[in-house]
Amino acid sequence: GGGLETREEREIPKLSSCFDALYFCATPGNQFRYYYRFGTYDDCDAATNMFSLACSVRFEEANGRGQGEKANDMRKQMLGLSTKNTDNHVWKIRPPVPEGEVRGSLSAWLDEAPKP
């Protein structure tokens, strides 16, 4: 329905979305990108946990216990999980270039290069 959904029901991802996120996590493209950014491969823990919780919630709902305490606890856990990792990347942030200054210009490099 209408506008009667609670905040939790709107924010909890569907089982199919959790499966898609887990499948994407295991793709070579994601693994290479993760390795490039963080220097290690993605173990997909967050996506696996989210998929596991989504399966458990779905099982509880299928057995008529969708509004029970256990299902509600799992929903709260799902809301606390994040599949995005933005911490601990291996790159250093460069300071901004002052206006009018060109960093790494070819002429400056040629001037500093040793002469044969």
C-alpha atoms as a PDB file:
ATOM      1  CA  GLY A   1       0.000   0.000   0.000  1.00  0.00           C
ATOM      2  CA  GLY A   2      -0.749   3.503   0.716  1.00  0.00           C
ATOM      3  CA  GLY A   3       1.107   5.777   3.078  1.00  0.00           C
ATOM      4  CA  LEU A   4       0.691   3.430   6.058  1.00  0.00           C
ATOM      5  CA  GLU A   5       4.142   1.850   5.825  1.00  0.00           C
ATOM      6  CA  THR A   6       6.466   2.410   8.736  1.00  0.00           C
ATOM      7  CA  ARG A   7       9.917   3.905   8.324  1.00  0.00           C
ATOM      8  CA  GLU A   8      11.576   0.481   8.775  1.00  0.00           C
ATOM      9  CA  GLU A   9       9.462  -1.226   6.110  1.00  0.00           C
ATOM     10  CA  ARG A  10      10.426   1.374   3.496  1.00  0.00           C
ATOM     11  CA  GLU A  11      14.151   1.263   4.228  1.00  0.00           C
ATOM     12  CA  ILE A  12      14.701  -2.501   4.449  1.00  0.00           C
ATOM     13  CA  PRO A  13      15.972  -3.769   1.099  1.00  0.00           C
ATOM     14  CA  LYS A  14      14.156  -6.561  -0.667  1.00  0.00           C
ATOM     15  CA  LEU A  15      15.634 -10.042  -0.806  1.00  0.00           C
ATOM     16  CA  SER A  16      16.289  -9.680  -4.535  1.00  0.00           C
ATOM     17  CA  SER A  17      18.200  -6.429  -3.956  1.00  0.00           C
ATOM     18  CA  CYS A  18      20.340  -8.115  -1.286  1.00  0.00           C
ATOM     19  CA  PHE A  19      21.082 -10.994  -3.667  1.00  0.00           C
ATOM     20  CA  ASP A  20      22.022  -8.523  -6.413  1.00  0.00           C
ATOM     21  CA  ALA A  21      24.411  -6.739  -4.033  1.00  0.00           C
ATOM     22  CA  LEU A  22      26.028 -10.035  -3.015  1.00  0.00           C
ATOM     23  CA  TYR A  23      26.360 -11.143  -6.640  1.00  0.00           C
ATOM     24  CA  PHE A  24      27.877  -7.776  -7.625  1.00  0.00           C
ATOM     25  CA  CYS A  25      30.349  -7.968  -4.748  1.00  0.00           C
ATOM     26  CA  ALA A  26      31.804 -11.182  -6.152  1.00  0.00           C
ATOM     27  CA  THR A  27      32.262  -9.844  -9.700  1.00  0.00           C
ATOM     28  CA  PRO A  28      35.791  -9.310 -11.010  1.00  0.00           C
ATOM     29  CA  GLY A  29      35.065  -5.633 -11.687  1.00  0.00           C
ATOM     30  CA  ASN A  30      34.134  -4.964  -8.079  1.00  0.00           C
ATOM     31  CA  GLN A  31      37.077  -6.979  -6.764  1.00  0.00           C
ATOM     32  CA  PHE A  32      39.570  -5.071  -8.944  1.00  0.00           C
ATOM     33  CA  ARG A  33      38.044  -1.718  -7.994  1.00  0.00           C
ATOM     34  CA  TYR A  34      38.147  -2.631  -4.309  1.00  0.00           C
ATOM     35  CA  TYR A  35      41.750  -3.801  -4.611  1.00  0.00           C
ATOM     36  CA  TYR A  36      42.683  -0.573  -6.395  1.00  0.00           C
ATOM     37  CA  ARG A  37      41.082   1.579  -3.697  1.00  0.00           C
ATOM     38  CA  PHE A  38      41.911  -0.344  -0.535  1.00  0.00           C
ATOM     39  CA  GLY A  39      44.868  -2.590  -1.405  1.00  0.00           C
ATOM     40  CA  THR A  40      43.060  -5.857  -0.624  1.00  0.00           C
ATOM     41  CA  TYR A  41      40.194  -7.891  -2.048  1.00  0.00           C
ATOM     42  CA  ASP A  42      36.614  -7.468  -0.857  1.00  0.00           C
ATOM     43  CA  ASP A  43      35.529 -10.330   1.405  1.00  0.00           C
ATOM     44  CA  CYS A  44      31.853  -9.345   0.875  1.00  0.00           C
ATOM     45  CA  ASP A  45      31.054  -9.660   4.599  1.00  0.00           C
ATOM     46  CA  ALA A  46      28.542  -6.803   4.597  1.00  0.00           C
ATOM     47  CA  ALA A  47      26.710  -8.109   1.509  1.00  0.00           C
ATOM     48  CA  THR A  48      26.712 -11.660   2.893  1.00  0.00           C
ATOM     49  CA  ASN A  49      25.337 -10.516   6.252  1.00  0.00           C
ATOM     50  CA  MET A  50      22.653  -8.414   4.573  1.00  0.00           C
ATOM     51  CA  PHE A  51      21.595 -11.316   2.317  1.00  0.00           C
ATOM     52  CA  SER A  52      21.540 -13.719   5.268  1.00  0.00           C
ATOM     53  CA  LEU A  53      19.353 -11.378   7.312  1.00  0.00           C
ATOM     54  CA  ALA A  54      17.034 -10.783   4.341  1.00  0.00           C
ATOM     55  CA  CYS A  55      16.626 -14.564   3.892  1.00  0.00           C
ATOM     56  CA  SER A  56      15.907 -14.982   7.601  1.00  0.00           C
ATOM     57  CA  VAL A  57      13.321 -12.181   7.612  1.00  0.00           C
ATOM     58  CA  ARG A  58      11.699 -13.651   4.503  1.00  0.00           C
ATOM     59  CA  PHE A  59      11.584 -17.088   6.182  1.00  0.00           C
ATOM     60  CA  GLU A  60       9.974 -15.591   9.280  1.00  0.00           C
ATOM     61  CA  GLU A  61       7.384 -13.829   7.118  1.00  0.00           C
ATOM     62  CA  ALA A  62       6.640 -17.003   5.141  1.00  0.00           C
ATOM     63  CA  ASN A  63       5.988 -18.874   8.390  1.00  0.00           C
ATOM     64  CA  GLY A  64       3.610 -16.239   9.726  1.00  0.00           C
ATOM     65  CA  ARG A  65       6.077 -14.773  12.198  1.00  0.00           C
ATOM     66  CA  GLY A  66       6.876 -11.636  10.224  1.00  0.00           C
ATOM     67  CA  GLN A  67       5.821  -9.301  13.026  1.00  0.00           C
ATOM     68  CA  GLY A  68       7.489 -11.262  15.821  1.00  0.00           C
ATOM     69  CA  GLU A  69      10.271 -10.001  18.042  1.00  0.00           C
ATOM     70  CA  LYS A  70      12.924 -12.069  16.230  1.00  0.00           C
ATOM     71  CA  ALA A  71      11.946 -10.685  12.804  1.00  0.00           C
ATOM     72  CA  ASN A  72      11.861  -7.132  14.145  1.00  0.00           C
ATOM     73  CA  ASP A  73      15.357  -7.576  15.654  1.00  0.00           C
ATOM     74  CA  MET A  74      16.643  -8.791  12.288  1.00  0.00           C
ATOM     75  CA  ARG A  75      15.085  -5.780  10.554  1.00  0.00           C
ATOM     76  CA  LYS A  76      16.838  -3.461  13.012  1.00  0.00           C
ATOM     77  CA  GLN A  77      20.146  -5.222  12.300  1.00  0.00           C
ATOM     78  CA  MET A  78      19.580  -4.743   8.569  1.00  0.00           C
ATOM     79  CA  LEU A  79      19.004  -1.020   9.074  1.00  0.00           C
ATOM     80  CA  GLY A  80      22.330  -0.808  10.930  1.00  0.00           C
ATOM     81  CA  LEU A  81      24.322  -2.522   8.184  1.00  0.00           C
ATOM     82  CA  SER A  82      25.934  -0.706   5.328  1.00  0.00           C
ATOM     83  CA  THR A  83      27.318  -2.309   2.175  1.00  0.00           C
ATOM     84  CA  LYS A  84      29.348   0.803   1.332  1.00  0.00           C
ATOM     85  CA  ASN A  85      32.928   1.140   2.551  1.00  0.00           C
ATOM     86  CA  THR A  86      34.462   4.586   2.292  1.00  0.00           C
ATOM     87  CA  ASP A  87      37.071   4.361   5.044  1.00  0.00           C
ATOM     88  CA  ASN A  88      40.733   3.400   4.975  1.00  0.00           C
ATOM     89  CA  HIS A  89      41.470   3.853   1.298  1.00  0.00           C
ATOM     90  CA  VAL A  90      45.147   3.691   0.347  1.00  0.00           C
ATOM     91  CA  TRP A  91      45.297   7.065  -1.412  1.00  0.00           C
ATOM     92  CA  LYS A  92      46.465  10.293   0.156  1.00  0.00           C
ATOM     93  CA  ILE A  93      44.339  13.382  -0.424  1.00  0.00           C
ATOM     94  CA  ARG A  94      46.328  16.106  -2.143  1.00  0.00           C
ATOM     95  CA  PRO A  95      45.972  19.704  -1.028  1.00  0.00           C
ATOM     96  CA  PRO A  96      44.163  21.936  -3.507  1.00  0.00           C
ATOM     97  CA  VAL A  97      46.300  23.722  -6.093  1.00  0.00           C
ATOM     98  CA  PRO A  98      46.446  27.478  -5.485  1.00  0.00           C
ATOM     99  CA  GLU A  99      44.751  29.508  -8.178  1.00  0.00           C
ATOM    100  CA  GLY A 100      47.106  30.458 -10.995  1.00  0.00           C
ATOM    101  CA  GLU A 101      49.636  27.725 -10.187  1.00  0.00           C
ATOM    102  CA  VAL A 102      49.960  24.774 -12.495  1.00  0.00           C
ATOM    103  CA  ARG A 103      51.162  21.644 -10.791  1.00  0.00           C
ATOM    104  CA  GLY A 104      53.319  19.341 -12.830  1.00  0.00           C
ATOM    105  CA  SER A 105      53.820  21.532 -15.873  1.00  0.00           C
ATOM    106  CA  LEU A 106      56.025  20.098 -18.585  1.00  0.00           C
ATOM    107  CA  SER A 107      58.298  23.135 -18.749  1.00  0.00           C
ATOM    108  CA  ALA A 108      59.054  22.959 -14.998  1.00  0.00           C
ATOM    109  CA  TRP A 109      59.824  19.268 -15.327  1.00  0.00           C
ATOM    110  CA  LEU A 110      62.141  19.895 -18.277  1.00  0.00           C
ATOM    111  CA  ASP A 111      63.966  22.644 -16.348  1.00  0.00           C
ATOM    112  CA  GLU A 112      64.552  20.277 -13.392  1.00  0.00           C
ATOM    113  CA  ALA A 113      65.518  17.251 -15.470  1.00  0.00           C
ATOM    114  CA  PRO A 114      69.253  16.387 -15.477  1.00  0.00           C
ATOM    115  CA  LYS A 115      71.053  17.345 -18.645  1.00  0.00           C
ATOM    116  CA  PRO A 116      72.982  14.602 -20.490  1.00  0.00           C
END
